[in-house]
All heavy atoms as atom14 arrays in JSON, in Angstrom:
{
  "sequence": "ILVKIRAKDTDRQAVLSVAEIFRARILDVASDSLVVELTGEQRK",
  "atom14_mask": [
    [1, 1, 1, 1, 1, 1, 1, 1, 0, 0, 0, 0, 0, 0],
    [1, 1, 1, 1, 1, 1, 1, 1, 0, 0, 0, 0, 0, 0],
    [1, 1, 1, 1, 1, 1, 1, 0, 0, 0, 0, 0, 0, 0],
    [1, 1, 1, 1, 1, 1, 1, 1, 1, 0, 0, 0, 0, 0],
    [1, 1, 1, 1, 1, 1, 1, 1, 0, 0, 0, 0, 0, 0],
    [1, 1, 1, 1, 1, 1, 1, 1, 1, 1, 1, 0, 0, 0],
    [1, 1, 1, 1, 1, 0, 0, 0, 0, 0, 0, 0, 0, 0],
    [1, 1, 1, 1, 1, 1, 1, 1, 1, 0, 0, 0, 0, 0],
    [1, 1, 1, 1, 1, 1, 1, 1, 0, 0, 0, 0, 0, 0],
    [1, 1, 1, 1, 1, 1, 1, 0, 0, 0, 0, 0, 0, 0],
    [1, 1, 1, 1, 1, 1, 1, 1, 0, 0, 0, 0, 0, 0],
    [1, 1, 1, 1, 1, 1, 1, 1, 1, 1, 1, 0, 0, 0],
    [1, 1, 1, 1, 1, 1, 1, 1, 1, 0, 0, 0, 0, 0],
    [1, 1, 1, 1, 1, 0, 0, 0, 0, 0, 0, 0, 0, 0],
    [1, 1, 1, 1, 1, 1, 1, 0, 0, 0, 0, 0, 0, 0],
    [1, 1, 1, 1, 1, 1, 1, 1, 0, 0, 0, 0, 0, 0],
    [1, 1, 1, 1, 1, 1, 0, 0, 0, 0, 0, 0, 0, 0],
    [1, 1, 1, 1, 1, 1, 1, 0, 0, 0, 0, 0, 0, 0],
    [1, 1, 1, 1, 1, 0, 0, 0, 0, 0, 0, 0, 0, 0],
    [1, 1, 1, 1, 1, 1, 1, 1, 1, 0, 0, 0, 0, 0],
    [1, 1, 1, 1, 1, 1, 1, 1, 0, 0, 0, 0, 0, 0],
    [1, 1, 1, 1, 1, 1, 1, 1, 1, 1, 1, 0, 0, 0],
    [1, 1, 1, 1, 1, 1, 1, 1, 1, 1, 1, 0, 0, 0],
    [1, 1, 1, 1, 1, 0, 0, 0, 0, 0, 0, 0, 0, 0],
    [1, 1, 1, 1, 1, 1, 1, 1, 1, 1, 1, 0, 0, 0],
    [1, 1, 1, 1, 1, 1, 1, 1, 0, 0, 0, 0, 0, 0],
    [1, 1, 1, 1, 1, 1, 1, 1, 0, 0, 0, 0, 0, 0],
    [1, 1, 1, 1, 1, 1, 1, 1, 0, 0, 0, 0, 0, 0],
    [1, 1, 1, 1, 1, 1, 1, 0, 0, 0, 0, 0, 0, 0],
    [1, 1, 1, 1, 1, 0, 0, 0, 0, 0, 0, 0, 0, 0],
    [1, 1, 1, 1, 1, 1, 0, 0, 0, 0, 0, 0, 0, 0],
    [1, 1, 1, 1, 1, 1, 1, 1, 0, 0, 0, 0, 0, 0],
    [1, 1, 1, 1, 1, 1, 0, 0, 0, 0, 0, 0, 0, 0],
    [1, 1, 1, 1, 1, 1, 1, 1, 0, 0, 0, 0, 0, 0],
    [1, 1, 1, 1, 1, 1, 1, 0, 0, 0, 0, 0, 0, 0],
    [1, 1, 1, 1, 1, 1, 1, 0, 0, 0, 0, 0, 0, 0],
    [1, 1, 1, 1, 1, 1, 1, 1, 1, 0, 0, 0, 0, 0],
    [1, 1, 1, 1, 1, 1, 1, 1, 0, 0, 0, 0, 0, 0],
    [1, 1, 1, 1, 1, 1, 1, 0, 0, 0, 0, 0, 0, 0],
    [1, 1, 1, 1, 0, 0, 0, 0, 0, 0, 0, 0, 0, 0],
    [1, 1, 1, 1, 1, 1, 1, 1, 1, 0, 0, 0, 0, 0],
    [1, 1, 1, 1, 1, 1, 1, 1, 1, 0, 0, 0, 0, 0],
    [1, 1, 1, 1, 1, 1, 1, 1, 1, 1, 1, 0, 0, 0],
    [1, 1, 1, 1, 1, 1, 1, 1, 1, 0, 0, 0, 0, 0]
  ],
  "atom14_positions": [
    [[-5.19, -8.99, -4.15], [-3.8, -8.72, -4.5], [-3.05, -8.31, -3.24], [-3.59, -7.61, -2.39], [-3.7, -7.63, -5.59], [-2.28, -7.49, -6.1], [-4.2, -6.3, -5.08], [-2.17, -6.59, -7.32], [0.0, 0.0, 0.0], [0.0, 0.0, 0.0], [0.0, 0.0, 0.0], [0.0, 0.0, 0.0], [0.0, 0.0, 0.0], [0.0, 0.0, 0.0]],
    [[-1.82, -8.81, -3.1], [-0.91, -8.38, -2.06], [0.3, -7.76, -2.77], [0.85, -8.37, -3.7], [-0.43, -9.56, -1.2], [-1.5, -10.29, -0.4], [-0.89, -11.5, 0.3], [-2.15, -9.37, 0.61], [0.0, 0.0, 0.0], [0.0, 0.0, 0.0], [0.0, 0.0, 0.0], [0.0, 0.0, 0.0], [0.0, 0.0, 0.0], [0.0, 0.0, 0.0]],
    [[0.68, -6.57, -2.36], [1.78, -5.86, -2.99], [2.75, -5.38, -1.92], [2.34, -4.73, -0.95], [1.29, -4.62, -3.79], [2.44, -3.99, -4.55], [0.16, -4.97, -4.72], [0.0, 0.0, 0.0], [0.0, 0.0, 0.0], [0.0, 0.0, 0.0], [0.0, 0.0, 0.0], [0.0, 0.0, 0.0], [0.0, 0.0, 0.0], [0.0, 0.0, 0.0]],
    [[4.03, -5.75, -2.09], [5.07, -5.22, -1.21], [5.77, -4.1, -1.98], [6.31, -4.31, -3.06], [6.09, -6.28, -0.83], [7.12, -5.79, 0.2], [8.18, -6.83, 0.5], [7.57, -8.0, 1.24], [8.59, -9.02, 1.59], [0.0, 0.0, 0.0], [0.0, 0.0, 0.0], [0.0, 0.0, 0.0], [0.0, 0.0, 0.0], [0.0, 0.0, 0.0]],
    [[5.74, -2.9, -1.4], [6.24, -1.7, -2.06], [7.39, -1.13, -1.24], [7.27, -1.0, -0.01], [5.13, -0.64, -2.16], [3.9, -1.24, -2.85], [5.63, 0.61, -2.88], [2.62, -0.53, -2.51], [0.0, 0.0, 0.0], [0.0, 0.0, 0.0], [0.0, 0.0, 0.0], [0.0, 0.0, 0.0], [0.0, 0.0, 0.0], [0.0, 0.0, 0.0]],
    [[8.49, -0.79, -1.92], [9.57, -0.09, -1.22], [9.03, 1.29, -0.86], [8.56, 2.02, -1.74], [10.81, 0.04, -2.07], [11.96, 0.68, -1.29], [13.29, 0.71, -2.02], [13.73, -0.55, -2.59], [14.3, -1.56, -1.92], [14.45, -1.47, -0.61], [14.69, -2.65, -2.54], [0.0, 0.0, 0.0], [0.0, 0.0, 0.0], [0.0, 0.0, 0.0]],
    [[9.07, 1.63, 0.41], [8.53, 2.91, 0.87], [9.4, 3.45, 1.99], [9.23, 3.11, 3.15], [7.09, 2.74, 1.34], [0.0, 0.0, 0.0], [0.0, 0.0, 0.0], [0.0, 0.0, 0.0], [0.0, 0.0, 0.0], [0.0, 0.0, 0.0], [0.0, 0.0, 0.0], [0.0, 0.0, 0.0], [0.0, 0.0, 0.0], [0.0, 0.0, 0.0]],
    [[10.35, 4.29, 1.6], [11.18, 4.96, 2.6], [10.34, 6.07, 3.22], [9.23, 6.36, 2.78], [12.43, 5.5, 1.92], [13.28, 4.38, 1.34], [14.51, 4.91, 0.66], [15.29, 3.72, 0.1], [16.36, 4.07, -0.76], [0.0, 0.0, 0.0], [0.0, 0.0, 0.0], [0.0, 0.0, 0.0], [0.0, 0.0, 0.0], [0.0, 0.0, 0.0]],
    [[10.87, 6.7, 4.23], [10.15, 7.75, 4.95], [9.56, 8.8, 4.01], [8.44, 9.25, 4.21], [11.06, 8.43, 5.97], [11.44, 7.49, 7.11], [10.73, 6.49, 7.31], [12.45, 7.76, 7.78], [0.0, 0.0, 0.0], [0.0, 0.0, 0.0], [0.0, 0.0, 0.0], [0.0, 0.0, 0.0], [0.0, 0.0, 0.0], [0.0, 0.0, 0.0]],
    [[10.3, 9.17, 2.96], [9.85, 10.23, 2.07], [8.69, 9.79, 1.17], [7.91, 10.61, 0.72], [11.02, 10.71, 1.18], [11.58, 9.58, 0.51], [12.09, 11.39, 2.01], [0.0, 0.0, 0.0], [0.0, 0.0, 0.0], [0.0, 0.0, 0.0], [0.0, 0.0, 0.0], [0.0, 0.0, 0.0], [0.0, 0.0, 0.0], [0.0, 0.0, 0.0]],
    [[8.58, 8.49, 0.89], [7.54, 7.96, 0.0], [6.32, 7.43, 0.74], [5.24, 7.29, 0.16], [8.08, 6.8, -0.85], [9.22, 7.21, -1.75], [9.24, 8.39, -2.15], [10.07, 6.36, -2.05], [0.0, 0.0, 0.0], [0.0, 0.0, 0.0], [0.0, 0.0, 0.0], [0.0, 0.0, 0.0], [0.0, 0.0, 0.0], [0.0, 0.0, 0.0]],
    [[6.5, 7.12, 1.99], [5.47, 6.39, 2.74], [4.09, 7.06, 2.7], [3.09, 6.42, 2.43], [5.93, 6.19, 4.18], [5.07, 5.2, 4.94], [5.63, 4.92, 6.33], [7.04, 4.57, 6.32], [7.49, 3.31, 6.18], [6.65, 2.33, 6.04], [8.78, 3.07, 6.19], [0.0, 0.0, 0.0], [0.0, 0.0, 0.0], [0.0, 0.0, 0.0]],
    [[4.01, 8.35, 2.96], [2.72, 9.03, 3.02], [2.01, 9.01, 1.66], [0.8, 8.85, 1.58], [2.86, 10.48, 3.53], [1.54, 11.13, 3.84], [0.69, 10.31, 4.81], [1.15, 9.89, 5.86], [-0.56, 10.07, 4.45], [0.0, 0.0, 0.0], [0.0, 0.0, 0.0], [0.0, 0.0, 0.0], [0.0, 0.0, 0.0], [0.0, 0.0, 0.0]],
    [[2.77, 9.16, 0.58], [2.17, 9.14, -0.76], [1.59, 7.76, -1.07], [0.48, 7.65, -1.6], [3.22, 9.52, -1.81], [0.0, 0.0, 0.0], [0.0, 0.0, 0.0], [0.0, 0.0, 0.0], [0.0, 0.0, 0.0], [0.0, 0.0, 0.0], [0.0, 0.0, 0.0], [0.0, 0.0, 0.0], [0.0, 0.0, 0.0], [0.0, 0.0, 0.0]],
    [[2.31, 6.71, -0.71], [1.8, 5.34, -0.93], [0.57, 5.1, -0.07], [-0.42, 4.53, -0.54], [2.9, 4.29, -0.64], [2.32, 2.88, -0.69], [4.05, 4.43, -1.62], [0.0, 0.0, 0.0], [0.0, 0.0, 0.0], [0.0, 0.0, 0.0], [0.0, 0.0, 0.0], [0.0, 0.0, 0.0], [0.0, 0.0, 0.0], [0.0, 0.0, 0.0]],
    [[0.59, 5.55, 1.15], [-0.57, 5.4, 2.04], [-1.78, 6.14, 1.48], [-2.92, 5.65, 1.59], [-0.25, 5.9, 3.45], [0.74, 5.05, 4.25], [1.14, 5.76, 5.54], [0.18, 3.67, 4.52], [0.0, 0.0, 0.0], [0.0, 0.0, 0.0], [0.0, 0.0, 0.0], [0.0, 0.0, 0.0], [0.0, 0.0, 0.0], [0.0, 0.0, 0.0]],
    [[-1.58, 7.29, 0.87], [-2.68, 8.06, 0.27], [-3.3, 7.29, -0.9], [-4.53, 7.24, -1.02], [-2.19, 9.41, -0.2], [-1.79, 10.2, 0.89], [0.0, 0.0, 0.0], [0.0, 0.0, 0.0], [0.0, 0.0, 0.0], [0.0, 0.0, 0.0], [0.0, 0.0, 0.0], [0.0, 0.0, 0.0], [0.0, 0.0, 0.0], [0.0, 0.0, 0.0]],
    [[-2.47, 6.71, -1.74], [-2.98, 5.92, -2.86], [-3.76, 4.72, -2.33], [-4.86, 4.41, -2.8], [-1.84, 5.45, -3.8], [-2.35, 4.46, -4.84], [-1.17, 6.64, -4.47], [0.0, 0.0, 0.0], [0.0, 0.0, 0.0], [0.0, 0.0, 0.0], [0.0, 0.0, 0.0], [0.0, 0.0, 0.0], [0.0, 0.0, 0.0], [0.0, 0.0, 0.0]],
    [[-3.23, 4.05, -1.32], [-3.91, 2.9, -0.72], [-5.27, 3.3, -0.15], [-6.27, 2.59, -0.32], [-3.04, 2.28, 0.36], [0.0, 0.0, 0.0], [0.0, 0.0, 0.0], [0.0, 0.0, 0.0], [0.0, 0.0, 0.0], [0.0, 0.0, 0.0], [0.0, 0.0, 0.0], [0.0, 0.0, 0.0], [0.0, 0.0, 0.0], [0.0, 0.0, 0.0]],
    [[-5.32, 4.46, 0.49], [-6.58, 4.94, 1.09], [-7.63, 5.21, 0.02], [-8.8, 4.89, 0.2], [-6.3, 6.2, 1.91], [-7.51, 6.67, 2.68], [-7.18, 7.9, 3.53], [-6.05, 7.99, 4.06], [-8.08, 8.76, 3.66], [0.0, 0.0, 0.0], [0.0, 0.0, 0.0], [0.0, 0.0, 0.0], [0.0, 0.0, 0.0], [0.0, 0.0, 0.0]],
    [[-7.22, 5.8, -1.08], [-8.16, 6.09, -2.18], [-8.83, 4.81, -2.65], [-10.03, 4.79, -2.94], [-7.42, 6.77, -3.35], [-7.01, 8.19, -2.95], [-8.27, 6.78, -4.61], [-6.03, 8.83, -3.91], [0.0, 0.0, 0.0], [0.0, 0.0, 0.0], [0.0, 0.0, 0.0], [0.0, 0.0, 0.0], [0.0, 0.0, 0.0], [0.0, 0.0, 0.0]],
    [[-8.08, 3.7, -2.7], [-8.6, 2.44, -3.19], [-9.2, 1.57, -2.08], [-9.6, 0.43, -2.32], [-7.5, 1.66, -3.92], [-7.24, 2.18, -5.29], [-6.35, 3.23, -5.5], [-7.87, 1.62, -6.39], [-6.11, 3.72, -6.77], [-7.64, 2.1, -7.66], [-6.75, 3.16, -7.85], [0.0, 0.0, 0.0], [0.0, 0.0, 0.0], [0.0, 0.0, 0.0]],
    [[-9.22, 2.09, -0.86], [-9.71, 1.36, 0.31], [-8.91, 0.08, 0.54], [-9.45, -0.98, 0.91], [-11.2, 1.04, 0.19], [-12.06, 2.28, 0.17], [-13.53, 1.92, 0.25], [-14.32, 3.12, 0.12], [-15.28, 3.27, -0.76], [-15.58, 2.29, -1.6], [-15.96, 4.39, -0.82], [0.0, 0.0, 0.0], [0.0, 0.0, 0.0], [0.0, 0.0, 0.0]],
    [[-7.62, 0.17, 0.29], [-6.72, -0.96, 0.53], [-6.35, -0.98, 2.01], [-6.47, 0.02, 2.71], [-5.47, -0.81, -0.33], [0.0, 0.0, 0.0], [0.0, 0.0, 0.0], [0.0, 0.0, 0.0], [0.0, 0.0, 0.0], [0.0, 0.0, 0.0], [0.0, 0.0, 0.0], [0.0, 0.0, 0.0], [0.0, 0.0, 0.0], [0.0, 0.0, 0.0]],
    [[-5.89, -2.14, 2.45], [-5.46, -2.3, 3.85], [-3.94, -2.44, 3.89], [-3.36, -3.15, 3.08], [-6.08, -3.55, 4.46], [-7.58, -3.44, 4.67], [-8.17, -4.67, 5.31], [-7.32, -5.16, 6.39], [-7.35, -6.41, 6.84], [-8.15, -7.31, 6.31], [-6.55, -6.79, 7.82], [0.0, 0.0, 0.0], [0.0, 0.0, 0.0], [0.0, 0.0, 0.0]],
    [[-3.34, -1.79, 4.86], [-1.91, -1.95, 5.09], [-1.75, -3.12, 6.06], [-2.25, -3.09, 7.18], [-1.29, -0.67, 5.7], [-1.61, 0.56, 4.84], [0.21, -0.86, 5.89], [-1.15, 0.48, 3.42], [0.0, 0.0, 0.0], [0.0, 0.0, 0.0], [0.0, 0.0, 0.0], [0.0, 0.0, 0.0], [0.0, 0.0, 0.0], [0.0, 0.0, 0.0]],
    [[-1.06, -4.17, 5.6], [-0.91, -5.37, 6.42], [0.4, -5.41, 7.18], [0.5, -6.06, 8.22], [-1.0, -6.63, 5.53], [-2.31, -6.83, 4.78], [-2.23, -8.1, 3.95], [-3.49, -6.88, 5.73], [0.0, 0.0, 0.0], [0.0, 0.0, 0.0], [0.0, 0.0, 0.0], [0.0, 0.0, 0.0], [0.0, 0.0, 0.0], [0.0, 0.0, 0.0]],
    [[1.43, -4.74, 6.62], [2.73, -4.78, 7.27], [3.48, -3.49, 6.95], [3.45, -3.01, 5.82], [3.55, -5.97, 6.77], [4.88, -6.08, 7.46], [4.9, -6.3, 8.69], [5.92, -5.92, 6.78], [0.0, 0.0, 0.0], [0.0, 0.0, 0.0], [0.0, 0.0, 0.0], [0.0, 0.0, 0.0], [0.0, 0.0, 0.0], [0.0, 0.0, 0.0]],
    [[4.12, -2.95, 7.97], [4.94, -1.76, 7.81], [6.33, -2.1, 8.34], [6.47, -2.5, 9.49], [4.37, -0.56, 8.59], [5.28, 0.65, 8.44], [2.96, -0.24, 8.12], [0.0, 0.0, 0.0], [0.0, 0.0, 0.0], [0.0, 0.0, 0.0], [0.0, 0.0, 0.0], [0.0, 0.0, 0.0], [0.0, 0.0, 0.0], [0.0, 0.0, 0.0]],
    [[7.32, -1.98, 7.47], [8.72, -2.17, 7.86], [9.44, -0.83, 7.64], [8.86, 0.1, 7.09], [9.35, -3.28, 7.04], [0.0, 0.0, 0.0], [0.0, 0.0, 0.0], [0.0, 0.0, 0.0], [0.0, 0.0, 0.0], [0.0, 0.0, 0.0], [0.0, 0.0, 0.0], [0.0, 0.0, 0.0], [0.0, 0.0, 0.0], [0.0, 0.0, 0.0]],
    [[10.67, -0.78, 8.03], [11.4, 0.49, 7.91], [11.57, 0.92, 6.46], [11.7, 2.12, 6.19], [12.77, 0.38, 8.58], [13.54, -0.63, 7.94], [0.0, 0.0, 0.0], [0.0, 0.0, 0.0], [0.0, 0.0, 0.0], [0.0, 0.0, 0.0], [0.0, 0.0, 0.0], [0.0, 0.0, 0.0], [0.0, 0.0, 0.0], [0.0, 0.0, 0.0]],
    [[11.55, -0.02, 5.53], [11.77, 0.34, 4.13], [10.7, -0.17, 3.17], [10.86, -0.1, 1.95], [13.14, -0.16, 3.67], [13.26, -1.67, 3.78], [12.39, -2.3, 4.42], [14.23, -2.22, 3.24], [0.0, 0.0, 0.0], [0.0, 0.0, 0.0], [0.0, 0.0, 0.0], [0.0, 0.0, 0.0], [0.0, 0.0, 0.0], [0.0, 0.0, 0.0]],
    [[9.6, -0.73, 3.7], [8.56, -1.26, 2.81], [7.21, -1.31, 3.49], [7.09, -1.21, 4.71], [8.94, -2.66, 2.33], [8.92, -3.58, 3.41], [0.0, 0.0, 0.0], [0.0, 0.0, 0.0], [0.0, 0.0, 0.0], [0.0, 0.0, 0.0], [0.0, 0.0, 0.0], [0.0, 0.0, 0.0], [0.0, 0.0, 0.0], [0.0, 0.0, 0.0]],
    [[6.17, -1.49, 2.64], [4.79, -1.68, 3.1], [4.22, -2.88, 2.36], [4.53, -3.09, 1.18], [3.92, -0.47, 2.73], [4.23, 0.88, 3.33], [3.42, 1.95, 2.61], [3.9, 0.87, 4.8], [0.0, 0.0, 0.0], [0.0, 0.0, 0.0], [0.0, 0.0, 0.0], [0.0, 0.0, 0.0], [0.0, 0.0, 0.0], [0.0, 0.0, 0.0]],
    [[3.36, -3.64, 3.01], [2.59, -4.68, 2.33], [1.14, -4.22, 2.34], [0.57, -3.93, 3.39], [2.73, -6.06, 3.0], [1.82, -7.07, 2.32], [4.18, -6.53, 2.97], [0.0, 0.0, 0.0], [0.0, 0.0, 0.0], [0.0, 0.0, 0.0], [0.0, 0.0, 0.0], [0.0, 0.0, 0.0], [0.0, 0.0, 0.0], [0.0, 0.0, 0.0]],
    [[0.57, -4.16, 1.14], [-0.79, -3.65, 0.95], [-1.67, -4.77, 0.42], [-1.26, -5.53, -0.46], [-0.78, -2.46, -0.05], [-2.18, -1.92, -0.24], [0.15, -1.37, 0.43], [0.0, 0.0, 0.0], [0.0, 0.0, 0.0], [0.0, 0.0, 0.0], [0.0, 0.0, 0.0], [0.0, 0.0, 0.0], [0.0, 0.0, 0.0], [0.0, 0.0, 0.0]],
    [[-2.9, -4.85, 0.95], [-3.9, -5.82, 0.5], [-5.04, -5.05, -0.16], [-5.53, -4.06, 0.41], [-4.44, -6.61, 1.68], [-5.62, -7.49, 1.35], [-6.29, -8.04, 2.6], [-6.83, -7.25, 3.4], [-6.25, -9.26, 2.78], [0.0, 0.0, 0.0], [0.0, 0.0, 0.0], [0.0, 0.0, 0.0], [0.0, 0.0, 0.0], [0.0, 0.0, 0.0]],
    [[-5.46, -5.51, -1.33], [-6.57, -4.87, -2.02], [-7.44, -5.95, -2.65], [-6.93, -6.89, -3.27], [-6.06, -3.91, -3.1], [-7.11, -3.15, -3.91], [-7.96, -2.26, -3.02], [-6.44, -2.33, -4.99], [0.0, 0.0, 0.0], [0.0, 0.0, 0.0], [0.0, 0.0, 0.0], [0.0, 0.0, 0.0], [0.0, 0.0, 0.0], [0.0, 0.0, 0.0]],
    [[-8.74, -5.81, -2.48], [-9.7, -6.74, -3.06], [-10.65, -5.96, -3.95], [-11.07, -4.86, -3.6], [-10.53, -7.44, -1.95], [-9.63, -8.07, -1.04], [-11.48, -8.46, -2.53], [0.0, 0.0, 0.0], [0.0, 0.0, 0.0], [0.0, 0.0, 0.0], [0.0, 0.0, 0.0], [0.0, 0.0, 0.0], [0.0, 0.0, 0.0], [0.0, 0.0, 0.0]],
    [[-11.0, -6.55, -5.09], [-11.95, -5.89, -5.97], [-11.95, -6.49, -7.36], [-11.39, -7.56, -7.58], [0.0, 0.0, 0.0], [0.0, 0.0, 0.0], [0.0, 0.0, 0.0], [0.0, 0.0, 0.0], [0.0, 0.0, 0.0], [0.0, 0.0, 0.0], [0.0, 0.0, 0.0], [0.0, 0.0, 0.0], [0.0, 0.0, 0.0], [0.0, 0.0, 0.0]],
    [[-12.58, -5.77, -8.27], [-12.6, -6.21, -9.65], [-11.22, -6.02, -10.27], [-10.44, -5.18, -9.82], [-13.65, -5.42, -10.43], [-15.06, -5.68, -9.94], [-16.1, -4.88, -10.7], [-15.73, -4.04, -11.56], [-17.29, -5.08, -10.43], [0.0, 0.0, 0.0], [0.0, 0.0, 0.0], [0.0, 0.0, 0.0], [0.0, 0.0, 0.0], [0.0, 0.0, 0.0]],
    [[-10.93, -6.77, -11.31], [-9.62, -6.71, -11.93], [-9.25, -5.3, -12.38], [-8.1, -4.88, -12.25], [-9.55, -7.68, -13.11], [-9.51, -9.13, -12.65], [-9.47, -10.1, -13.81], [-10.19, -9.93, -14.79], [-8.65, -11.12, -13.68], [0.0, 0.0, 0.0], [0.0, 0.0, 0.0], [0.0, 0.0, 0.0], [0.0, 0.0, 0.0], [0.0, 0.0, 0.0]],
    [[-10.23, -4.54, -12.9], [-9.95, -3.17, -13.33], [-9.43, -2.32, -12.19], [-8.52, -1.51, -12.35], [-11.22, -2.5, -13.87], [-11.71, -2.99, -15.19], [-12.91, -2.19, -15.6], [-13.77, -1.95, -14.44], [-15.08, -1.84, -14.47], [-15.71, -1.91, -15.61], [-15.79, -1.63, -13.39], [0.0, 0.0, 0.0], [0.0, 0.0, 0.0], [0.0, 0.0, 0.0]],
    [[-10.03, -2.47, -11.02], [-9.62, -1.71, -9.84], [-8.19, -2.06, -9.46], [-7.37, -1.16, -9.18], [-10.57, -2.0, -8.68], [-10.22, -1.32, -7.38], [-11.21, -1.7, -6.29], [-10.85, -1.09, -4.96], [-11.8, -1.48, -3.9], [0.0, 0.0, 0.0], [0.0, 0.0, 0.0], [0.0, 0.0, 0.0], [0.0, 0.0, 0.0], [0.0, 0.0, 0.0]]
  ]
}
């Protein structure tokens, strides 16, 4: 799955924390968004 999430400065750390818990990779960081890659079972 690839997910582009709106992430302003105030939200960015929280989104990064969720991504880290799931062992997701951050593929792109822009001033107002992040692109996250996650591989796994559908439940995950």
